[in-house]
């Protein structure tokens, strides 16, 4: 099982998930209840240590500009105390040195749809996310394309007739960031 967190603008959602992306025991905490770095790490560690499940890793989804490779949040409005620190390292140390991953929430939503959602039947997809903020993810199954510039150039240079777009409603709503966070974790495992 994996412990997965969606650090949202109004709430921090968390659940346990298996490798198939099934969600178990989803819960949430008001974001106002976690008002400092120490409180944030303490909250995650408490959930981890009080779990009666064997946790194989922790996956985090967070809004803002994320440096996933280094486990840091470069820019985040809702949680300024998380900005510029190696969040994955701090959480790992507080949780028995377990592996921790971190990725942008909109990219996680895109990963979720590409992995087991509405976009899984397509080689390429663009996912637009409207929540507390606005974001998006571009995925090329099963990995995320991080070079948005190339995708924008393709869209700008092609006509709708050549692209043959298929607009579909996403399968996941509130769970997309959780599922995508696990998808990202599993892709770097």
Foldseek 3Di string as FASTA:
>chain_A
DAWEWEDDLFWIKIFDADPLLDTDDIDIDGLVQQQAPVSVLVVLLVCLVPDPDDHQEYFYEYAADDPFVQQAHCDDDRHVNRHPDNSQCSNCVSRVNHGYTYDYQQQLLVQLCCRPKVNVVDQWDKAWDDDPHTDIFIPGPNGGDPCVVVVVVVVVPDDCVVVVDDDDDIPDHVCSSRSSRSSVVVVVD
